[in-house]
C-alpha atoms as a PDB file:
ATOM      1  CA  UNK A   1      17.936 -18.825   0.678  1.00  0.00           C
ATOM      2  CA  UNK A   2      16.900 -20.981  -0.755  1.00  0.00           C
ATOM      3  CA  UNK A   3      24.760 -19.554   1.647  1.00  0.00           C
ATOM      4  CA  UNK A   4      26.245 -16.840   3.683  1.00  0.00           C
ATOM      5  CA  UNK A   5      22.598 -16.773   3.978  1.00  0.00           C
ATOM      6  CA  UNK A   6      20.388 -18.184   6.608  1.00  0.00           C
ATOM      7  CA  UNK A   7      17.147 -18.245   4.831  1.00  0.00           C
ATOM      8  CA  UNK A   8      14.457 -20.605   3.831  1.00  0.00           C
ATOM      9  CA  UNK A   9      15.093 -19.577   0.394  1.00  0.00           C
ATOM     10  CA  UNK A  10      18.663 -20.678  -1.654  1.00  0.00           C
ATOM     11  CA  UNK A  11      16.423 -23.282  -0.816  1.00  0.00           C
ATOM     12  CA  UNK A  12      15.952 -19.991  -0.453  1.00  0.00           C
ATOM     13  CA  UNK A  13      17.053 -20.948   1.845  1.00  0.00           C
ATOM     14  CA  UNK A  14      20.335 -20.166   2.796  1.00  0.00           C
ATOM     15  CA  UNK A  15      22.546 -18.367   5.185  1.00  0.00           C
ATOM     16  CA  UNK A  16      26.042 -17.119   5.077  1.00  0.00           C
ATOM     17  CA  UNK A  17      28.012 -16.196   8.155  1.00  0.00           C
ATOM     18  CA  UNK A  18      30.917 -13.795   8.316  1.00  0.00           C
ATOM     19  CA  UNK A  19      33.403 -13.748  11.167  1.00  0.00           C
ATOM     20  CA  UNK A  20      36.261 -11.292  11.449  1.00  0.00           C
ATOM     21  CA  UNK A  21      38.361 -13.639  13.516  1.00  0.00           C
ATOM     22  CA  UNK A  22      38.734 -15.256  16.877  1.00  0.00           C
ATOM     23  CA  UNK A  23      39.070 -18.868  17.872  1.00  0.00           C
ATOM     24  CA  UNK A  24      35.753 -20.682  17.597  1.00  0.00           C
ATOM     25  CA  UNK A  25      37.356 -23.980  18.437  1.00  0.00           C
ATOM     26  CA  UNK A  26      38.041 -26.797  15.987  1.00  0.00           C
ATOM     27  CA  UNK A  27      35.301 -29.216  17.039  1.00  0.00           C
ATOM     28  CA  UNK A  28      32.596 -26.544  17.244  1.00  0.00           C
ATOM     29  CA  UNK A  29      33.607 -25.132  13.867  1.00  0.00           C
ATOM     30  CA  UNK A  30      33.577 -28.587  12.310  1.00  0.00           C
ATOM     31  CA  UNK A  31      29.991 -29.037  13.481  1.00  0.00           C
ATOM     32  CA  UNK A  32      29.125 -25.615  12.084  1.00  0.00           C
ATOM     33  CA  UNK A  33      30.498 -26.602   8.693  1.00  0.00           C
ATOM     34  CA  UNK A  34      28.271 -29.614   8.241  1.00  0.00           C
ATOM     35  CA  UNK A  35      26.179 -29.008   5.177  1.00  0.00           C
ATOM     36  CA  UNK A  36      22.439 -28.332   5.521  1.00  0.00           C
ATOM     37  CA  UNK A  37      20.218 -27.100   2.759  1.00  0.00           C
ATOM     38  CA  UNK A  38      19.295 -23.507   3.459  1.00  0.00           C
ATOM     39  CA  UNK A  39      22.299 -21.894   5.151  1.00  0.00           C
ATOM     40  CA  UNK A  40      25.835 -21.017   4.377  1.00  0.00           C
ATOM     41  CA  UNK A  41      28.387 -19.191   6.427  1.00  0.00           C
ATOM     42  CA  UNK A  42      31.158 -16.849   5.488  1.00  0.00           C
ATOM     43  CA  UNK A  43      33.833 -16.551   8.130  1.00  0.00           C
ATOM     44  CA  UNK A  44      36.177 -13.609   7.791  1.00  0.00           C
ATOM     45  CA  UNK A  45      39.768 -14.207   8.850  1.00  0.00           C
ATOM     46  CA  UNK A  46      41.293 -16.536  11.430  1.00  0.00           C
ATOM     47  CA  UNK A  47      43.757 -19.235  10.441  1.00  0.00           C
ATOM     48  CA  UNK A  48      41.704 -21.761  12.419  1.00  0.00           C
ATOM     49  CA  UNK A  49      39.179 -21.707   9.584  1.00  0.00           C
ATOM     50  CA  UNK A  50      41.614 -22.778   6.862  1.00  0.00           C
ATOM     51  CA  UNK A  51      40.042 -26.217   6.378  1.00  0.00           C
ATOM     52  CA  UNK A  52      36.507 -24.983   5.835  1.00  0.00           C
ATOM     53  CA  UNK A  53      36.567 -25.948   2.168  1.00  0.00           C
ATOM     54  CA  UNK A  54      36.570 -29.589   3.238  1.00  0.00           C
ATOM     55  CA  UNK A  55      32.894 -29.207   4.122  1.00  0.00           C
ATOM     56  CA  UNK A  56      31.872 -27.003   1.197  1.00  0.00           C
ATOM     57  CA  UNK A  57      30.425 -29.946  -0.720  1.00  0.00           C
ATOM     58  CA  UNK A  58      28.521 -28.624  -3.719  1.00  0.00           C
ATOM     59  CA  UNK A  59      26.782 -31.722  -5.003  1.00  0.00           C
ATOM     60  CA  UNK A  60      23.380 -30.649  -3.637  1.00  0.00           C
ATOM     61  CA  UNK A  61      23.563 -27.062  -4.899  1.00  0.00           C
ATOM     62  CA  UNK A  62      21.955 -26.377  -8.280  1.00  0.00           C
ATOM     63  CA  UNK A  63      23.931 -24.694 -11.039  1.00  0.00           C
ATOM     64  CA  UNK A  64      21.678 -21.637 -10.625  1.00  0.00           C
ATOM     65  CA  UNK A  65      22.659 -21.478  -6.956  1.00  0.00           C
ATOM     66  CA  UNK A  66      26.324 -21.884  -7.869  1.00  0.00           C
ATOM     67  CA  UNK A  67      25.959 -18.795 -10.056  1.00  0.00           C
ATOM     68  CA  UNK A  68      24.507 -16.886  -7.123  1.00  0.00           C
ATOM     69  CA  UNK A  69      27.321 -17.902  -4.800  1.00  0.00           C
ATOM     70  CA  UNK A  70      29.882 -17.149  -7.493  1.00  0.00           C
ATOM     71  CA  UNK A  71      28.388 -13.661  -7.815  1.00  0.00           C
ATOM     72  CA  UNK A  72      28.713 -13.220  -4.047  1.00  0.00           C
ATOM     73  CA  UNK A  73      32.343 -14.309  -4.108  1.00  0.00           C
ATOM     74  CA  UNK A  74      33.060 -12.099  -7.103  1.00  0.00           C
ATOM     75  CA  UNK A  75      31.529  -9.113  -5.347  1.00  0.00           C
ATOM     76  CA  UNK A  76      33.691  -9.679  -2.280  1.00  0.00           C
ATOM     77  CA  UNK A  77      36.752 -10.112  -4.470  1.00  0.00           C
ATOM     78  CA  UNK A  78      36.050  -6.818  -6.229  1.00  0.00           C
ATOM     79  CA  UNK A  79      35.878  -5.176  -2.795  1.00  0.00           C
ATOM     80  CA  UNK A  80      39.303  -6.513  -1.865  1.00  0.00           C
ATOM     81  CA  UNK A  81      38.406  -9.626   0.142  1.00  0.00           C
ATOM     82  CA  UNK A  82      40.401 -12.794  -0.532  1.00  0.00           C
ATOM     83  CA  UNK A  83      38.717 -16.139   0.083  1.00  0.00           C
ATOM     84  CA  UNK A  84      40.793 -18.355   2.332  1.00  0.00           C
ATOM     85  CA  UNK A  85      42.719 -15.380   3.665  1.00  0.00           C
ATOM     86  CA  UNK A  86      40.263 -12.682   4.708  1.00  0.00           C
ATOM     87  CA  UNK A  87      37.071 -14.728   4.694  1.00  0.00           C
ATOM     88  CA  UNK A  88      35.690 -18.277   4.495  1.00  0.00           C
ATOM     89  CA  UNK A  89      32.301 -19.589   3.424  1.00  0.00           C
ATOM     90  CA  UNK A  90      30.429 -22.506   4.972  1.00  0.00           C
ATOM     91  CA  UNK A  91      27.068 -23.876   3.884  1.00  0.00           C
ATOM     92  CA  UNK A  92      24.107 -24.917   6.018  1.00  0.00           C
ATOM     93  CA  UNK A  93      21.019 -26.357   4.355  1.00  0.00           C
ATOM     94  CA  UNK A  94      17.583 -27.187   5.722  1.00  0.00           C
ATOM     95  CA  UNK A  95      16.562 -29.581   2.906  1.00  0.00           C
ATOM     96  CA  UNK A  96      13.342 -27.693   2.241  1.00  0.00           C
ATOM     97  CA  UNK A  97      12.320 -27.925   5.901  1.00  0.00           C
ATOM     98  CA  UNK A  98      11.682 -24.364   7.057  1.00  0.00           C
ATOM     99  CA  UNK A  99      11.066 -25.556  10.606  1.00  0.00           C
ATOM    100  CA  UNK A 100      14.808 -26.212  10.917  1.00  0.00           C
ATOM    101  CA  UNK A 101      15.807 -22.575  10.474  1.00  0.00           C
ATOM    102  CA  UNK A 102      15.484 -21.574  14.144  1.00  0.00           C
ATOM    103  CA  UNK A 103      17.806 -24.406  15.142  1.00  0.00           C
ATOM    104  CA  UNK A 104      20.352 -23.470  12.469  1.00  0.00           C
ATOM    105  CA  UNK A 105      20.141 -19.762  13.306  1.00  0.00           C
ATOM    106  CA  UNK A 106      20.683 -20.418  16.994  1.00  0.00           C
ATOM    107  CA  UNK A 107      23.748 -22.508  16.201  1.00  0.00           C
ATOM    108  CA  UNK A 108      25.269 -19.639  14.230  1.00  0.00           C
ATOM    109  CA  UNK A 109      24.649 -17.283  17.129  1.00  0.00           C
ATOM    110  CA  UNK A 110      26.313 -19.716  19.528  1.00  0.00           C
ATOM    111  CA  UNK A 111      29.375 -19.691  17.284  1.00  0.00           C
ATOM    112  CA  UNK A 112      29.692 -15.949  17.798  1.00  0.00           C
ATOM    113  CA  UNK A 113      29.806 -14.995  14.113  1.00  0.00           C
ATOM    114  CA  UNK A 114      30.095 -11.334  13.124  1.00  0.00           C
ATOM    115  CA  UNK A 115      27.538 -11.268  10.320  1.00  0.00           C
ATOM    116  CA  UNK A 116      24.790 -13.466   8.837  1.00  0.00           C
ATOM    117  CA  UNK A 117      23.604 -13.198   5.237  1.00  0.00           C
ATOM    118  CA  UNK A 118      20.176 -14.651   4.534  1.00  0.00           C
ATOM    119  CA  UNK A 119      17.992 -15.473   1.607  1.00  0.00           C
ATOM    120  CA  UNK A 120      14.264 -15.920   2.008  1.00  0.00           C
ATOM    121  CA  UNK A 121      11.731 -14.565   4.470  1.00  0.00           C
ATOM    122  CA  UNK A 122      11.506 -17.631   6.777  1.00  0.00           C
ATOM    123  CA  UNK A 123      15.281 -17.858   7.159  1.00  0.00           C
ATOM    124  CA  UNK A 124      15.601 -14.135   7.777  1.00  0.00           C
ATOM    125  CA  UNK A 125      12.860 -14.196  10.406  1.00  0.00           C
ATOM    126  CA  UNK A 126      14.692 -17.072  12.109  1.00  0.00           C
ATOM    127  CA  UNK A 127      17.953 -15.130  12.104  1.00  0.00           C
ATOM    128  CA  UNK A 128      16.303 -11.980  13.429  1.00  0.00           C
ATOM    129  CA  UNK A 129      14.593 -13.964  16.176  1.00  0.00           C
ATOM    130  CA  UNK A 130      17.886 -15.638  17.146  1.00  0.00           C
ATOM    131  CA  UNK A 131      19.846 -12.399  17.510  1.00  0.00           C
ATOM    132  CA  UNK A 132      19.201  -8.686  17.931  1.00  0.00           C
ATOM    133  CA  UNK A 133      22.898  -7.774  17.829  1.00  0.00           C
ATOM    134  CA  UNK A 134      24.610  -9.712  15.027  1.00  0.00           C
ATOM    135  CA  UNK A 135      24.054  -7.884  11.693  1.00  0.00           C
ATOM    136  CA  UNK A 136      21.817  -9.789   9.266  1.00  0.00           C
ATOM    137  CA  UNK A 137      21.947  -9.021   5.546  1.00  0.00           C
ATOM    138  CA  UNK A 138      19.070 -10.173   3.340  1.00  0.00           C
ATOM    139  CA  UNK A 139      20.679 -11.245   0.050  1.00  0.00           C
ATOM    140  CA  UNK A 140      17.134 -11.696  -1.185  1.00  0.00           C
ATOM    141  CA  UNK A 141      13.842 -11.637   0.685  1.00  0.00           C
ATOM    142  CA  UNK A 142      10.292 -11.778  -0.608  1.00  0.00           C
ATOM    143  CA  UNK A 143       8.527  -9.593   1.950  1.00  0.00           C
ATOM    144  CA  UNK A 144      10.997  -7.233   3.669  1.00  0.00           C
ATOM    145  CA  UNK A 145       8.268  -5.329   5.487  1.00  0.00           C
ATOM    146  CA  UNK A 146       7.494  -8.484   7.446  1.00  0.00           C
ATOM    147  CA  UNK A 147      10.988  -8.073   8.905  1.00  0.00           C
ATOM    148  CA  UNK A 148      12.095  -4.418   8.952  1.00  0.00           C
ATOM    149  CA  UNK A 149      10.378  -1.253  10.175  1.00  0.00           C
ATOM    150  CA  UNK A 150      10.601   0.493   6.800  1.00  0.00           C
ATOM    151  CA  UNK A 151      12.588   0.230   3.586  1.00  0.00           C
ATOM    152  CA  UNK A 152      14.228   3.626   4.067  1.00  0.00           C
ATOM    153  CA  UNK A 153      15.169   3.093   7.724  1.00  0.00           C
ATOM    154  CA  UNK A 154      14.989  -0.622   8.518  1.00  0.00           C
ATOM    155  CA  UNK A 155      15.941  -0.228  12.182  1.00  0.00           C
ATOM    156  CA  UNK A 156      17.295  -3.103  14.261  1.00  0.00           C
ATOM    157  CA  UNK A 157      20.008  -5.404  12.962  1.00  0.00           C
ATOM    158  CA  UNK A 158      18.546  -6.431   9.582  1.00  0.00           C
ATOM    159  CA  UNK A 159      18.843  -4.827   6.133  1.00  0.00           C
ATOM    160  CA  UNK A 160      19.484  -5.924   2.553  1.00  0.00           C
ATOM    161  CA  UNK A 161      17.656  -6.494  -0.696  1.00  0.00           C
ATOM    162  CA  UNK A 162      14.052  -7.186  -1.714  1.00  0.00           C
ATOM    163  CA  UNK A 163      13.192  -9.757  -4.394  1.00  0.00           C
ATOM    164  CA  UNK A 164       9.849  -8.122  -5.297  1.00  0.00           C
ATOM    165  CA  UNK A 165       8.081 -11.523  -5.223  1.00  0.00           C
ATOM    166  CA  UNK A 166       4.554 -10.215  -4.619  1.00  0.00           C
ATOM    167  CA  UNK A 167       4.788  -7.502  -7.258  1.00  0.00           C
ATOM    168  CA  UNK A 168       6.155 -10.049  -9.748  1.00  0.00           C
ATOM    169  CA  UNK A 169       3.089 -12.278  -9.385  1.00  0.00           C
ATOM    170  CA  UNK A 170       0.834 -10.184 -11.613  1.00  0.00           C
ATOM    171  CA  UNK A 171       3.604  -9.896 -14.216  1.00  0.00           C
ATOM    172  CA  UNK A 172       3.916 -13.684 -14.322  1.00  0.00           C
ATOM    173  CA  UNK A 173       0.177 -13.953 -14.817  1.00  0.00           C
ATOM    174  CA  UNK A 174       0.434 -11.474 -17.688  1.00  0.00           C
ATOM    175  CA  UNK A 175       3.110 -13.670 -19.292  1.00  0.00           C
ATOM    176  CA  UNK A 176       0.904 -16.726 -18.777  1.00  0.00           C
ATOM    177  CA  UNK A 177      -1.897 -15.002 -20.693  1.00  0.00           C
ATOM    178  CA  UNK A 178       0.493 -14.595 -23.607  1.00  0.00           C
ATOM    179  CA  UNK A 179       1.420 -18.272 -23.445  1.00  0.00           C
ATOM    180  CA  UNK A 180      -2.177 -19.464 -23.108  1.00  0.00           C
ATOM    181  CA  UNK A 181      -4.451 -16.973 -24.948  1.00  0.00           C
ATOM    182  CA  UNK A 182      -7.634 -18.798 -23.878  1.00  0.00           C
ATOM    183  CA  UNK A 183      -6.645 -18.877 -20.222  1.00  0.00           C
ATOM    184  CA  UNK A 184      -9.746 -19.033 -18.035  1.00  0.00           C
ATOM    185  CA  UNK A 185      -8.481 -20.563 -14.756  1.00  0.00           C
ATOM    186  CA  UNK A 186      -5.044 -20.039 -13.236  1.00  0.00           C
ATOM    187  CA  UNK A 187      -3.625 -22.053 -10.351  1.00  0.00           C
ATOM    188  CA  UNK A 188      -1.195 -20.662  -7.770  1.00  0.00           C
ATOM    189  CA  UNK A 189       1.050 -23.514  -6.648  1.00  0.00           C
ATOM    190  CA  UNK A 190       2.571 -22.370  -3.361  1.00  0.00           C
ATOM    191  CA  UNK A 191       3.317 -23.229   0.261  1.00  0.00           C
ATOM    192  CA  UNK A 192       0.860 -21.094   2.226  1.00  0.00           C
ATOM    193  CA  UNK A 193       2.736 -21.708   5.483  1.00  0.00           C
ATOM    194  CA  UNK A 194       5.486 -19.474   4.095  1.00  0.00           C
ATOM    195  CA  UNK A 195       4.668 -15.881   5.143  1.00  0.00           C
ATOM    196  CA  UNK A 196       5.408 -14.587   1.634  1.00  0.00           C
ATOM    197  CA  UNK A 197       2.712 -16.780   0.064  1.00  0.00           C
ATOM    198  CA  UNK A 198      -0.574 -15.192   1.305  1.00  0.00           C
ATOM    199  CA  UNK A 199       0.236 -11.763  -0.218  1.00  0.00           C
ATOM    200  CA  UNK A 200       1.041 -13.498  -3.513  1.00  0.00           C
ATOM    201  CA  UNK A 201      -2.289 -15.303  -3.406  1.00  0.00           C
ATOM    202  CA  UNK A 202      -4.103 -12.002  -2.879  1.00  0.00           C
ATOM    203  CA  UNK A 203      -2.156 -10.462  -5.761  1.00  0.00           C
ATOM    204  CA  UNK A 204      -3.015 -13.452  -7.960  1.00  0.00           C
ATOM    205  CA  UNK A 205      -6.731 -13.155  -7.219  1.00  0.00           C
ATOM    206  CA  UNK A 206      -6.754  -9.407  -7.823  1.00  0.00           C
ATOM    207  CA  UNK A 207      -4.858  -9.622 -11.120  1.00  0.00           C
ATOM    208  CA  UNK A 208      -6.891 -12.605 -12.330  1.00  0.00           C
ATOM    209  CA  UNK A 209     -10.167 -10.866 -11.545  1.00  0.00           C
ATOM    210  CA  UNK A 210      -9.108  -7.785 -13.532  1.00  0.00           C
ATOM    211  CA  UNK A 211      -8.704 -10.003 -16.606  1.00  0.00           C
ATOM    212  CA  UNK A 212     -11.816 -12.099 -16.030  1.00  0.00           C
ATOM    213  CA  UNK A 213      -9.831 -15.185 -14.999  1.00  0.00           C
ATOM    214  CA  UNK A 214     -10.706 -17.550 -12.154  1.00  0.00           C
ATOM    215  CA  UNK A 215      -7.959 -18.281  -9.610  1.00  0.00           C
ATOM    216  CA  UNK A 216      -7.395 -21.596  -7.843  1.00  0.00           C
ATOM    217  CA  UNK A 217      -5.130 -22.054  -4.819  1.00  0.00           C
ATOM    218  CA  UNK A 218      -2.997 -25.197  -4.798  1.00  0.00           C
ATOM    219  CA  UNK A 219      -1.515 -25.222  -1.294  1.00  0.00           C
ATOM    220  CA  UNK A 220       1.587 -27.405  -0.936  1.00  0.00           C
ATOM    221  CA  UNK A 221       2.977 -27.749   2.595  1.00  0.00           C
ATOM    222  CA  UNK A 222       4.702 -31.137   2.332  1.00  0.00           C
ATOM    223  CA  UNK A 223       6.076 -33.382  -0.386  1.00  0.00           C
ATOM    224  CA  UNK A 224       2.941 -35.494  -0.097  1.00  0.00           C
ATOM    225  CA  UNK A 225       0.856 -32.486  -1.143  1.00  0.00           C
ATOM    226  CA  UNK A 226       2.573 -32.111  -4.516  1.00  0.00           C
ATOM    227  CA  UNK A 227       0.813 -34.963  -6.302  1.00  0.00           C
ATOM    228  CA  UNK A 228      -2.511 -34.060  -4.683  1.00  0.00           C
ATOM    229  CA  UNK A 229      -2.138 -30.478  -5.919  1.00  0.00           C
ATOM    230  CA  UNK A 230      -1.814 -31.644  -9.507  1.00  0.00           C
ATOM    231  CA  UNK A 231      -4.820 -33.924  -9.039  1.00  0.00           C
ATOM    232  CA  UNK A 232      -6.803 -30.936  -7.813  1.00  0.00           C
ATOM    233  CA  UNK A 233      -5.604 -28.820 -10.721  1.00  0.00           C
ATOM    234  CA  UNK A 234      -6.941 -31.457 -13.100  1.00  0.00           C
ATOM    235  CA  UNK A 235     -10.262 -31.757 -11.242  1.00  0.00           C
ATOM    236  CA  UNK A 236     -10.711 -27.977 -11.230  1.00  0.00           C
ATOM    237  CA  UNK A 237      -9.809 -27.639 -14.930  1.00  0.00           C
ATOM    238  CA  UNK A 238      -6.852 -25.359 -14.264  1.00  0.00           C
ATOM    239  CA  UNK A 239      -5.339 -24.165 -17.561  1.00  0.00           C
ATOM    240  CA  UNK A 240      -1.915 -23.088 -16.299  1.00  0.00           C
ATOM    241  CA  UNK A 241       0.147 -22.670 -13.128  1.00  0.00           C
ATOM    242  CA  UNK A 242       2.047 -19.940 -11.348  1.00  0.00           C
ATOM    243  CA  UNK A 243       4.634 -21.726  -9.210  1.00  0.00           C
ATOM    244  CA  UNK A 244       5.797 -19.851  -6.127  1.00  0.00           C
ATOM    245  CA  UNK A 245       9.292 -19.781  -4.728  1.00  0.00           C
ATOM    246  CA  UNK A 246       9.714 -21.673  -1.460  1.00  0.00           C
ATOM    247  CA  UNK A 247      12.268 -24.028   0.059  1.00  0.00           C
ATOM    248  CA  UNK A 248       9.955 -27.043  -0.152  1.00  0.00           C
ATOM    249  CA  UNK A 249       9.037 -26.255  -3.756  1.00  0.00           C
ATOM    250  CA  UNK A 250      12.649 -25.730  -4.741  1.00  0.00           C
ATOM    251  CA  UNK A 251      13.660 -29.004  -3.139  1.00  0.00           C
ATOM    252  CA  UNK A 252      11.107 -30.810  -5.336  1.00  0.00           C
ATOM    253  CA  UNK A 253      11.498 -28.716  -8.503  1.00  0.00           C
ATOM    254  CA  UNK A 254      12.331 -31.768 -10.648  1.00  0.00           C
ATOM    255  CA  UNK A 255       9.140 -33.535  -9.592  1.00  0.00           C
ATOM    256  CA  UNK A 256       7.031 -30.419 -10.063  1.00  0.00           C
ATOM    257  CA  UNK A 257       8.373 -29.686 -13.540  1.00  0.00           C
ATOM    258  CA  UNK A 258       7.879 -33.335 -14.507  1.00  0.00           C
ATOM    259  CA  UNK A 259       4.291 -33.429 -13.224  1.00  0.00           C
ATOM    260  CA  UNK A 260       3.486 -30.171 -15.008  1.00  0.00           C
ATOM    261  CA  UNK A 261       4.715 -31.700 -18.266  1.00  0.00           C
ATOM    262  CA  UNK A 262       2.938 -35.005 -17.656  1.00  0.00           C
ATOM    263  CA  UNK A 263      -0.327 -33.178 -16.975  1.00  0.00           C
ATOM    264  CA  UNK A 264       0.271 -30.853 -19.946  1.00  0.00           C
ATOM    265  CA  UNK A 265       0.046 -27.804 -17.703  1.00  0.00           C
ATOM    266  CA  UNK A 266       2.004 -24.740 -18.811  1.00  0.00           C
ATOM    267  CA  UNK A 267       3.739 -23.370 -15.730  1.00  0.00           C
ATOM    268  CA  UNK A 268       5.499 -20.077 -15.077  1.00  0.00           C
ATOM    269  CA  UNK A 269       8.194 -20.311 -12.423  1.00  0.00           C
ATOM    270  CA  UNK A 270      10.073 -17.940 -10.126  1.00  0.00           C
ATOM    271  CA  UNK A 271      13.673 -18.942 -10.680  1.00  0.00           C
ATOM    272  CA  UNK A 272      16.211 -20.262 -13.174  1.00  0.00           C
ATOM    273  CA  UNK A 273      16.651 -23.552 -11.330  1.00  0.00           C
ATOM    274  CA  UNK A 274      13.162 -24.617 -12.428  1.00  0.00           C
ATOM    275  CA  UNK A 275      14.135 -24.184 -16.076  1.00  0.00           C
ATOM    276  CA  UNK A 276      17.175 -26.360 -15.431  1.00  0.00           C
ATOM    277  CA  UNK A 277      14.756 -28.942 -14.018  1.00  0.00           C
ATOM    278  CA  UNK A 278      12.782 -28.920 -17.286  1.00  0.00           C
ATOM    279  CA  UNK A 279      10.302 -26.114 -16.580  1.00  0.00           C
ATOM    280  CA  UNK A 280       8.737 -23.993 -19.302  1.00  0.00           C
ATOM    281  CA  UNK A 281       9.280 -20.355 -18.388  1.00  0.00           C
ATOM    282  CA  UNK A 282      10.753 -18.328 -15.557  1.00  0.00           C
ATOM    283  CA  UNK A 283      10.449 -14.634 -14.842  1.00  0.00           C
ATOM    284  CA  UNK A 284      12.233 -13.331 -11.771  1.00  0.00           C
ATOM    285  CA  UNK A 285      14.746 -10.884 -10.430  1.00  0.00           C
ATOM    286  CA  UNK A 286      18.372 -11.668 -11.206  1.00  0.00           C
ATOM    287  CA  UNK A 287      19.423 -13.412  -8.007  1.00  0.00           C
ATOM    288  CA  UNK A 288      23.142 -13.331  -8.916  1.00  0.00           C
ATOM    289  CA  UNK A 289      22.843  -9.552  -9.173  1.00  0.00           C
ATOM    290  CA  UNK A 290      21.222  -9.367  -5.717  1.00  0.00           C
ATOM    291  CA  UNK A 291      23.956 -11.566  -4.242  1.00  0.00           C
ATOM    292  CA  UNK A 292      26.624  -9.340  -5.766  1.00  0.00           C
ATOM    293  CA  UNK A 293      24.934  -6.241  -4.346  1.00  0.00           C
ATOM    294  CA  UNK A 294      24.689  -7.917  -0.931  1.00  0.00           C
ATOM    295  CA  UNK A 295      28.463  -7.787  -0.697  1.00  0.00           C
ATOM    296  CA  UNK A 296      28.276  -3.983  -0.645  1.00  0.00           C
ATOM    297  CA  UNK A 297      26.311  -4.245   2.604  1.00  0.00           C
ATOM    298  CA  UNK A 298      28.891  -6.716   3.954  1.00  0.00           C
ATOM    299  CA  UNK A 299      31.692  -4.305   3.200  1.00  0.00           C
ATOM    300  CA  UNK A 300      29.915  -1.299   4.714  1.00  0.00           C
ATOM    301  CA  UNK A 301      29.057  -3.156   7.917  1.00  0.00           C
ATOM    302  CA  UNK A 302      32.588  -4.506   8.327  1.00  0.00           C
ATOM    303  CA  UNK A 303      33.747  -0.911   7.994  1.00  0.00           C
ATOM    304  CA  UNK A 304      31.474   0.224  10.830  1.00  0.00           C
ATOM    305  CA  UNK A 305      28.055   1.002   9.294  1.00  0.00           C
ATOM    306  CA  UNK A 306      24.905  -0.017  11.207  1.00  0.00           C
ATOM    307  CA  UNK A 307      22.242  -2.150   9.466  1.00  0.00           C
ATOM    308  CA  UNK A 308      19.560   0.149  10.910  1.00  0.00           C
ATOM    309  CA  UNK A 309      20.961   3.038   8.849  1.00  0.00           C
ATOM    310  CA  UNK A 310      21.311   1.194   5.515  1.00  0.00           C
ATOM    311  CA  UNK A 311      18.097   1.326   3.407  1.00  0.00           C
ATOM    312  CA  UNK A 312      16.620  -1.859   1.955  1.00  0.00           C
ATOM    313  CA  UNK A 313      17.176  -1.722  -1.808  1.00  0.00           C
ATOM    314  CA  UNK A 314      14.977  -2.928  -4.651  1.00  0.00           C
ATOM    315  CA  UNK A 315      15.987  -5.180  -7.571  1.00  0.00           C
ATOM    316  CA  UNK A 316      17.060  -3.485 -10.782  1.00  0.00           C
ATOM    317  CA  UNK A 317      17.753  -6.489 -13.003  1.00  0.00           C
ATOM    318  CA  UNK A 318      15.212  -9.112 -14.123  1.00  0.00           C
ATOM    319  CA  UNK A 319      15.446 -12.330 -16.163  1.00  0.00           C
ATOM    320  CA  UNK A 320      12.950 -13.904 -18.557  1.00  0.00           C
ATOM    321  CA  UNK A 321      14.026 -17.432 -19.510  1.00  0.00           C
ATOM    322  CA  UNK A 322      12.086 -19.633 -21.950  1.00  0.00           C
ATOM    323  CA  UNK A 323      12.589 -23.373 -22.476  1.00  0.00           C
ATOM    324  CA  UNK A 324      11.653 -24.207 -26.071  1.00  0.00           C
ATOM    325  CA  UNK A 325      12.159 -27.922 -25.466  1.00  0.00           C
ATOM    326  CA  UNK A 326       9.533 -27.844 -22.742  1.00  0.00           C
ATOM    327  CA  UNK A 327       7.230 -25.810 -24.990  1.00  0.00           C
ATOM    328  CA  UNK A 328       7.547 -28.412 -27.743  1.00  0.00           C
ATOM    329  CA  UNK A 329       6.745 -31.226 -25.323  1.00  0.00           C
ATOM    330  CA  UNK A 330       3.635 -29.335 -24.181  1.00  0.00           C
ATOM    331  CA  UNK A 331       2.629 -28.599 -27.769  1.00  0.00           C
ATOM    332  CA  UNK A 332       2.892 -24.846 -27.176  1.00  0.00           C
ATOM    333  CA  UNK A 333       3.983 -22.247 -29.701  1.00  0.00           C
ATOM    334  CA  UNK A 334       5.757 -19.384 -27.977  1.00  0.00           C
ATOM    335  CA  UNK A 335       4.630 -16.039 -29.443  1.00  0.00           C
ATOM    336  CA  UNK A 336       7.475 -14.311 -31.350  1.00  0.00           C
ATOM    337  CA  UNK A 337       6.896 -11.141 -29.335  1.00  0.00           C
ATOM    338  CA  UNK A 338       7.547 -13.082 -26.131  1.00  0.00           C
ATOM    339  CA  UNK A 339      10.637 -14.778 -27.540  1.00  0.00           C
ATOM    340  CA  UNK A 340      12.008 -11.396 -28.582  1.00  0.00           C
ATOM    341  CA  UNK A 341      11.830 -10.196 -24.963  1.00  0.00           C
ATOM    342  CA  UNK A 342      13.558 -13.254 -23.477  1.00  0.00           C
ATOM    343  CA  UNK A 343      16.935 -12.797 -21.840  1.00  0.00           C
ATOM    344  CA  UNK A 344      17.720 -16.456 -22.500  1.00  0.00           C
ATOM    345  CA  UNK A 345      16.160 -19.162 -24.663  1.00  0.00           C
ATOM    346  CA  UNK A 346      16.859 -22.844 -24.042  1.00  0.00           C
ATOM    347  CA  UNK A 347      16.785 -24.600 -27.429  1.00  0.00           C
END
């Protein structure tokens, strides 16, 4: 959200807006349809929106993100919604700059949309701050309890789906131990200005300590920090990396995967798009599945349900993807037991 998601997450972060009709006005809608990394809008109904596809340029969306959006569209279609007739989607993106989310969220509120779908904690916080009345659906969020009162009864105008990012951290470290049997120092490569990152760092330290492994924080808050983080990893003799999921990191996934290979650092990632960029291994929730399930919330809210009464749901589907080409380049042999568990292997 990072999408009908206003989140710092489909680069993650994205936002999708749904409107049941009404005349926004051609010039204002045109401005709303300008593409920004991080947000998308779904507008439900209204003939005035018929030209929205003219601004749905997809050249900056990864194939992994296309799959997520396709799952969202498919879910709506299965529920009886027809794109171009009963709803429209527009995309807003923040280009990995989380500080832009408040501006983008406020613009959506000014447009008077009926529903916002977000991905990512920063984008969702921005949407919640911008409006207390427009329903906000989290297609995927790392730390829902930073946003809602409780999972069972979220309260307010926000509900949706958790991506389990903190809980997944220790599992990724466990997979890293299988990849690198002599692992003695693990690095967490993350943007600590993202509110989901500190809990993941604590989880990393706790899990590493239980296995007698040292943990090193590689804090990346700007593109300039990326190269410095790899320099620090080399200086600190880091054996492998856990790469967090953040808009900035996603925006520079190609560079990060390339630097990991160049520095011969095995890295475990948090999303399929990093494998497409040449990364070694990814273990994460199935984001297409979360996007599909988000449409159930959309449907319920359009039929009169209140977000406050719809519990936040947990992921039920996970994906382990291994890139054998990257493993060969790094000189790694993937254990057969790990390969057997993979949902997908890139030859």
